[in-house]
C-alpha cells in the first residue's frame, strides 16, 4: 500500500519542518499545498488584508525533500485546495491519503497504530482519530463534555478526518473543508492520538488565522478580546471561537509530547485583566453562546456537531 500525506501550508513556518519530520518515516509521499493568498470564500476581504508569510525554502531544505511534492496555486476554498492534492495523489497511485496539517502531530507508536489500523481494515472510505486541542501553549489543553448532556469532562474529541481511501473509492473528494462525500456512519475510528496545536499562536498570528481560515465567517463576536486576550485558566469558560460551549475551559496538560515539539519556542501573547463591567458582558455573551449551542444540538444539526468536534471519552 502507498500512503501519502496532505498538508496545507499557510502561515505555518514555525511548525512545517517539525510536521514533515513527524510523518515522513511512515509515508511514501508528502504533498505540500501552498498558496500565496488566503481563501476568498469565507472572508471576502481576506486577500486585501493578508498574504502567506511562510517560505517554501524551508520545505525545500527538509532532510525528507526526496519525499516531498509541492503544489502551488490559488484556491477559493479549503476543499478546492485539498481536492487539487487528491487529483495528483490518485495520479501517483497513492492508496490512502492522510490529512495532516502543519499543526498536527503524533507519537511514533500512535502513527504506526493508525497505519496498521488501515491495513487491517482497508475498505472504509475514510478514517478518523481522537485528538487533543492545545490552547495558547503546549502546557494547556481544551476540555469539553464527553457528550452534549453529560457531566463527565474530557480532553479528548474526534478529529474530523485522518485519512481517505483513494484506492477503493474513485469518486471520493472533499466537499466541506476536511469533510468528504461519504457519511460518518461508514467511517472507522482508529486509536492513535493526534496532538492538535489548533490555538498555539502568537496574538498577531491568531488574529490572522481567524480572519483567513475556512471558519472566519463563524467566529463569535468579541471572542478574541474576551476569550483570548482575557483568558484566565481559573475563570474563562466557553473558549471555542465558533461554538464556545463545546470547549468548556482549558486546563494544564500533563502528558508526553512528540519529540518534534519538545523544544517549541515561547510565543508573543498578551494577557489582559477584564474589569467588572467586561466580565458582565462576557457572562451575557456566554449565555447567548450556550443557548445557540443547545438549540443547534437539540435540532439535530449533525453537520454543526461534526464541524465543532464533539468531545467523547
Protein backbone atom coordinates (compact mmCIF):
# COMPACT_ATOMS: atom_id res chain seq x y z
CA UNK A 1 0.00 0.00 0.00
CA UNK A 2 1.15 3.53 -0.75
CA UNK A 3 0.43 6.24 1.80
CA UNK A 4 0.58 9.95 1.15
CA UNK A 5 0.15 12.99 3.40
CA UNK A 6 -1.73 16.17 2.52
CA UNK A 7 -0.58 19.40 4.22
CA UNK A 8 -1.92 22.89 3.62
CA UNK A 9 0.95 25.32 4.17
CA UNK A 10 -0.24 28.80 5.09
CA UNK A 11 1.48 30.87 7.79
CA UNK A 12 2.94 27.75 9.34
CA UNK A 13 6.68 28.22 9.00
CA UNK A 14 7.23 27.53 12.71
CA UNK A 15 5.76 24.03 12.50
CA UNK A 16 6.06 22.81 8.90
CA UNK A 17 9.52 21.21 9.25
CA UNK A 18 8.53 19.63 12.55
CA UNK A 19 5.41 18.17 10.97
CA UNK A 20 7.30 16.81 7.98
CA UNK A 21 9.74 15.10 10.36
CA UNK A 22 6.76 13.70 12.29
CA UNK A 23 5.09 11.96 9.34
CA UNK A 24 7.90 11.22 6.88
CA UNK A 25 9.02 7.85 8.32
CA UNK A 26 5.53 6.41 7.78
CA UNK A 27 4.54 7.56 4.28
CA UNK A 28 5.68 7.42 0.66
CA UNK A 29 4.87 10.99 -0.41
CA UNK A 30 4.28 14.29 1.38
CA UNK A 31 2.15 16.75 -0.60
CA UNK A 32 2.71 20.36 0.49
CA UNK A 33 -0.04 22.58 -0.91
CA UNK A 34 0.95 26.23 -0.96
CA UNK A 35 -0.99 29.36 -1.89
CA UNK A 36 0.38 32.90 -1.57
CA UNK A 37 -3.21 34.06 -0.97
CA UNK A 38 -5.80 33.10 1.67
CA UNK A 39 -9.20 31.66 0.78
CA UNK A 40 -11.80 34.09 -0.57
CA UNK A 41 -14.92 32.00 0.09
CA UNK A 42 -15.13 32.62 3.85
CA UNK A 43 -13.96 36.22 4.12
CA UNK A 44 -14.26 38.37 1.02
CA UNK A 45 -11.64 40.83 2.32
CA UNK A 46 -9.06 38.24 3.37
CA UNK A 47 -6.89 38.74 0.30
CA UNK A 48 -6.86 42.51 0.77
CA UNK A 49 -5.62 42.16 4.33
CA UNK A 50 -3.33 39.12 4.39
CA UNK A 51 -0.71 37.19 2.45
CA UNK A 52 1.01 33.90 3.16
CA UNK A 53 4.08 34.77 5.24
CA UNK A 54 5.61 31.29 5.00
CA UNK A 55 8.57 30.47 2.79
CA UNK A 56 8.81 27.40 0.56
CA UNK A 57 12.59 27.43 1.06
CA UNK A 58 12.02 25.90 4.50
CA UNK A 59 10.26 22.95 2.87
CA UNK A 60 12.86 22.55 0.14
CA UNK A 61 15.63 22.27 2.75
CA UNK A 62 13.94 19.40 4.57
CA UNK A 63 16.01 16.25 5.07
CA UNK A 64 12.99 14.44 3.58
CA UNK A 65 12.90 16.55 0.40
CA UNK A 66 13.04 13.36 -1.72
CA UNK A 67 9.55 12.51 -0.43
CA UNK A 68 8.06 15.98 -0.85
CA UNK A 69 5.91 17.27 -3.73
CA UNK A 70 4.95 20.96 -3.68
CA UNK A 71 1.64 22.01 -5.24
CA UNK A 72 1.27 25.75 -5.84
CA UNK A 73 -1.85 27.67 -6.77
CA UNK A 74 -4.58 29.96 -5.51
CA UNK A 75 -7.84 28.39 -4.35
CA UNK A 76 -11.10 29.99 -3.25
CA UNK A 77 -11.97 27.34 -0.68
CA UNK A 78 -10.33 24.77 1.56
CA UNK A 79 -11.99 21.85 -0.19
CA UNK A 80 -10.78 23.09 -3.60
CA UNK A 81 -7.22 23.22 -2.34
CA UNK A 82 -7.41 19.76 -0.80
CA UNK A 83 -9.01 18.27 -3.93
CA UNK A 84 -6.12 19.51 -6.07
CA UNK A 85 -3.90 17.24 -3.99
CA UNK A 86 -6.39 14.37 -4.23
CA UNK A 87 -6.19 14.51 -8.03
CA UNK A 88 -2.39 14.43 -8.01
CA UNK A 89 -2.24 11.67 -5.40
CA UNK A 90 -4.55 9.48 -7.48
CA UNK A 91 -2.32 10.01 -10.49
CA UNK A 92 0.67 9.00 -8.36
CA UNK A 93 -1.03 5.77 -7.32
CA UNK A 94 -1.50 6.71 -3.66
CA UNK A 95 -3.89 4.29 -1.96
CA UNK A 96 -4.57 6.25 1.25
CA UNK A 97 -4.14 9.98 1.67
CA UNK A 98 -3.56 11.14 5.24
CA UNK A 99 -4.75 14.60 6.20
CA UNK A 100 -2.11 16.12 8.47
CA UNK A 101 -1.82 19.88 8.51
CA UNK A 102 1.33 21.50 9.94
CA UNK A 103 -0.20 21.91 13.40
CA UNK A 104 -0.95 18.19 13.87
CA UNK A 105 1.46 15.70 15.45
CA UNK A 106 1.58 12.09 16.64
CA UNK A 107 3.80 9.98 18.83
CA UNK A 108 5.53 7.41 16.56
CA UNK A 109 3.66 4.48 18.12
CA UNK A 110 0.35 6.27 17.52
CA UNK A 111 1.19 6.93 13.86
CA UNK A 112 2.14 3.29 13.38
CA UNK A 113 -1.04 2.19 15.12
CA UNK A 114 -3.15 4.24 12.70
CA UNK A 115 -1.34 2.88 9.65
CA UNK A 116 -1.82 -0.67 10.93
CA UNK A 117 -5.47 0.01 11.61
CA UNK A 118 -6.00 0.98 7.98
CA UNK A 119 -4.06 -2.03 6.70
CA UNK A 120 -6.11 -4.37 8.87
CA UNK A 121 -9.45 -2.83 7.84
CA UNK A 122 -8.74 -1.30 4.43
CA UNK A 123 -12.23 -1.00 2.93
CA UNK A 124 -13.59 2.11 4.66
CA UNK A 125 -13.95 5.37 2.70
CA UNK A 126 -12.26 7.39 5.42
CA UNK A 127 -10.86 7.15 8.92
CA UNK A 128 -10.77 9.44 11.92
CA UNK A 129 -8.84 9.51 15.19
CA UNK A 130 -9.04 11.01 18.69
CA UNK A 131 -7.24 14.24 19.26
CA UNK A 132 -6.48 16.79 21.94
CA UNK A 133 -6.53 20.51 21.22
CA UNK A 134 -3.82 22.69 22.69
CA UNK A 135 -4.67 26.18 23.85
CA UNK A 136 -2.14 29.04 23.70
CA UNK A 137 0.83 26.79 24.50
CA UNK A 138 1.85 23.16 24.86
CA UNK A 139 1.12 23.12 28.57
CA UNK A 140 -2.63 23.81 28.24
CA UNK A 141 -5.44 21.87 26.52
CA UNK A 142 -9.14 22.39 25.89
CA UNK A 143 -11.68 20.49 28.00
CA UNK A 144 -15.22 19.53 26.97
CA UNK A 145 -18.07 17.23 27.97
CA UNK A 146 -18.00 13.63 26.79
CA UNK A 147 -21.41 14.31 25.21
CA UNK A 148 -23.82 17.21 24.97
CA UNK A 149 -25.80 16.38 28.14
CA UNK A 150 -23.02 14.61 30.07
CA UNK A 151 -21.30 15.77 33.22
CA UNK A 152 -18.02 13.91 32.70
CA UNK A 153 -15.31 16.16 31.30
CA UNK A 154 -12.56 15.07 28.91
CA UNK A 155 -9.69 16.50 26.90
CA UNK A 156 -10.36 14.04 24.04
CA UNK A 157 -12.52 14.76 21.00
CA UNK A 158 -12.66 13.44 17.45
CA UNK A 159 -10.55 14.65 14.56
CA UNK A 160 -12.91 15.03 11.57
CA UNK A 161 -10.69 13.15 9.13
CA UNK A 162 -7.36 11.31 9.42
CA UNK A 163 -7.16 9.56 6.03
CA UNK A 164 -9.23 8.94 2.91
CA UNK A 165 -9.31 5.80 0.78
CA UNK A 166 -8.40 6.66 -2.81
CA UNK A 167 -7.90 3.04 -3.84
CA UNK A 168 -11.47 1.77 -3.41
CA UNK A 169 -13.46 4.99 -3.80
CA UNK A 170 -12.62 6.70 -7.10
CA UNK A 171 -15.26 9.41 -6.61
CA UNK A 172 -14.26 10.35 -3.07
CA UNK A 173 -13.42 14.03 -2.65
CA UNK A 174 -13.53 16.84 -0.12
CA UNK A 175 -16.84 18.68 -0.10
CA UNK A 176 -16.78 20.71 3.14
CA UNK A 177 -13.33 21.65 4.41
CA UNK A 178 -11.93 18.30 5.66
CA UNK A 179 -15.25 16.55 5.21
CA UNK A 180 -15.70 14.17 2.27
CA UNK A 181 -18.69 12.92 0.30
CA UNK A 182 -19.22 9.82 2.43
CA UNK A 183 -21.41 9.53 5.55
CA UNK A 184 -19.86 9.34 9.00
CA UNK A 185 -21.61 6.06 9.76
CA UNK A 186 -19.44 4.45 7.08
CA UNK A 187 -16.10 5.55 8.51
CA UNK A 188 -13.79 3.84 11.01
CA UNK A 189 -12.29 5.31 14.17
CA UNK A 190 -8.62 4.48 14.73
CA UNK A 191 -6.83 4.69 18.06
CA UNK A 192 -3.65 6.74 17.50
CA UNK A 193 -3.95 10.09 19.26
CA UNK A 194 -3.36 13.36 17.40
CA UNK A 195 -1.80 16.36 19.14
CA UNK A 196 -3.51 19.37 17.56
CA UNK A 197 -1.79 22.73 18.03
CA UNK A 198 -5.01 24.38 16.97
CA UNK A 199 -4.56 27.55 19.05
CA UNK A 200 -0.82 27.65 19.70
CA UNK A 201 -0.16 31.05 18.12
CA UNK A 202 1.10 34.48 18.96
CA UNK A 203 -1.60 37.14 19.28
CA UNK A 204 -0.83 38.51 15.82
CA UNK A 205 -0.80 35.06 14.21
CA UNK A 206 -4.08 34.13 15.86
CA UNK A 207 -5.77 37.28 14.56
CA UNK A 208 -4.58 36.41 11.05
CA UNK A 209 -5.85 32.85 11.43
CA UNK A 210 -9.39 33.79 12.41
CA UNK A 211 -9.56 36.27 9.53
CA UNK A 212 -8.29 33.88 6.84
CA UNK A 213 -9.20 30.29 7.74
CA UNK A 214 -12.27 28.43 6.50
CA UNK A 215 -14.23 29.26 9.68
CA UNK A 216 -13.58 33.02 9.59
CA UNK A 217 -17.25 33.79 8.94
CA UNK A 218 -18.27 31.78 12.01
CA UNK A 219 -16.06 33.27 14.71
CA UNK A 220 -18.13 34.68 17.57
CA UNK A 221 -18.14 38.45 18.03
CA UNK A 222 -15.69 39.72 20.66
CA UNK A 223 -14.15 36.25 21.03
CA UNK A 224 -10.58 37.47 20.57
CA UNK A 225 -10.87 40.11 23.29
CA UNK A 226 -12.81 38.17 25.92
CA UNK A 227 -11.62 34.61 25.41
CA UNK A 228 -8.11 35.01 24.02
CA UNK A 229 -6.64 38.20 25.47
CA UNK A 230 -8.75 37.96 28.61
CA UNK A 231 -8.12 34.27 29.16
CA UNK A 232 -7.75 33.17 32.78
CA UNK A 233 -7.31 29.41 33.27
CA UNK A 234 -9.18 29.57 36.58
CA UNK A 235 -12.13 31.56 35.28
CA UNK A 236 -12.60 31.70 31.50
CA UNK A 237 -15.24 29.35 30.05
CA UNK A 238 -16.64 28.56 26.59
CA UNK A 239 -13.39 29.23 24.77
CA UNK A 240 -14.13 27.72 21.35
CA UNK A 241 -14.27 30.56 18.76
CA UNK A 242 -17.15 29.06 16.77
CA UNK A 243 -19.23 27.22 19.35
CA UNK A 244 -17.90 28.27 22.73
CA UNK A 245 -19.62 25.68 24.98
CA UNK A 246 -18.03 22.78 23.09
CA UNK A 247 -14.82 23.78 24.88
CA UNK A 248 -15.86 24.34 28.47
CA UNK A 249 -12.48 25.57 29.67
CA UNK A 250 -8.75 24.85 29.42
CA UNK A 251 -6.50 23.04 31.88
CA UNK A 252 -2.88 22.06 32.37
CA UNK A 253 -1.58 19.26 30.13
CA UNK A 254 0.46 16.60 31.90
CA UNK A 255 1.13 14.15 29.07
CA UNK A 256 4.17 13.31 26.95
CA UNK A 257 4.86 15.34 23.81
CA UNK A 258 6.18 14.06 20.47
CA UNK A 259 9.91 14.69 20.08
CA UNK A 260 9.30 17.26 17.34
CA UNK A 261 7.56 19.53 19.87
CA UNK A 262 9.89 19.32 22.85
CA UNK A 263 11.89 22.48 22.06
CA UNK A 264 8.90 24.54 20.93
CA UNK A 265 9.51 28.31 21.34
CA UNK A 266 7.61 30.69 23.60
CA UNK A 267 5.12 32.87 21.74
CA UNK A 268 4.33 36.57 21.98
CA UNK A 269 0.99 36.64 23.79
CA UNK A 270 -0.53 39.49 25.76
CA UNK A 271 -2.84 38.94 28.71
CA UNK A 272 -5.39 41.48 29.94
CA UNK A 273 -7.44 41.63 33.13
CA UNK A 274 -11.14 42.09 32.42
CA UNK A 275 -12.80 44.70 34.62
CA UNK A 276 -16.16 44.14 36.36
CA UNK A 277 -18.19 45.60 33.51
CA UNK A 278 -16.38 43.45 30.93
CA UNK A 279 -16.95 40.32 32.99
CA UNK A 280 -20.69 41.04 32.99
CA UNK A 281 -20.59 41.46 29.20
CA UNK A 282 -18.66 38.20 28.88
CA UNK A 283 -21.25 36.46 31.07
CA UNK A 284 -24.05 37.71 28.80
CA UNK A 285 -22.11 36.51 25.77
CA UNK A 286 -21.72 33.08 27.38
CA UNK A 287 -25.47 32.79 27.94
CA UNK A 288 -26.12 33.62 24.28
CA UNK A 289 -23.49 31.11 23.11
CA UNK A 290 -24.91 28.41 25.36
CA UNK A 291 -28.46 28.94 24.07
CA UNK A 292 -27.25 28.85 20.46
CA UNK A 293 -25.23 25.72 21.09
CA UNK A 294 -28.05 23.75 22.71
CA UNK A 295 -30.51 24.89 20.06
CA UNK A 296 -28.27 23.52 17.31
CA UNK A 297 -27.84 20.22 19.15
CA UNK A 298 -31.48 19.68 20.04
CA UNK A 299 -32.49 20.47 16.47
CA UNK A 300 -30.33 17.57 15.36
CA UNK A 301 -27.89 19.70 13.43
CA UNK A 302 -25.35 16.92 12.86
CA UNK A 303 -23.24 18.99 10.47
CA UNK A 304 -22.82 21.60 13.20
CA UNK A 305 -21.76 18.94 15.69
CA UNK A 306 -19.18 17.48 13.34
CA UNK A 307 -17.68 20.83 12.45
CA UNK A 308 -17.01 21.81 16.05
CA UNK A 309 -15.73 18.36 17.04
CA UNK A 310 -17.88 16.75 19.72
CA UNK A 311 -15.99 15.57 22.77
CA UNK A 312 -16.07 11.87 23.58
CA UNK A 313 -14.37 9.70 26.15
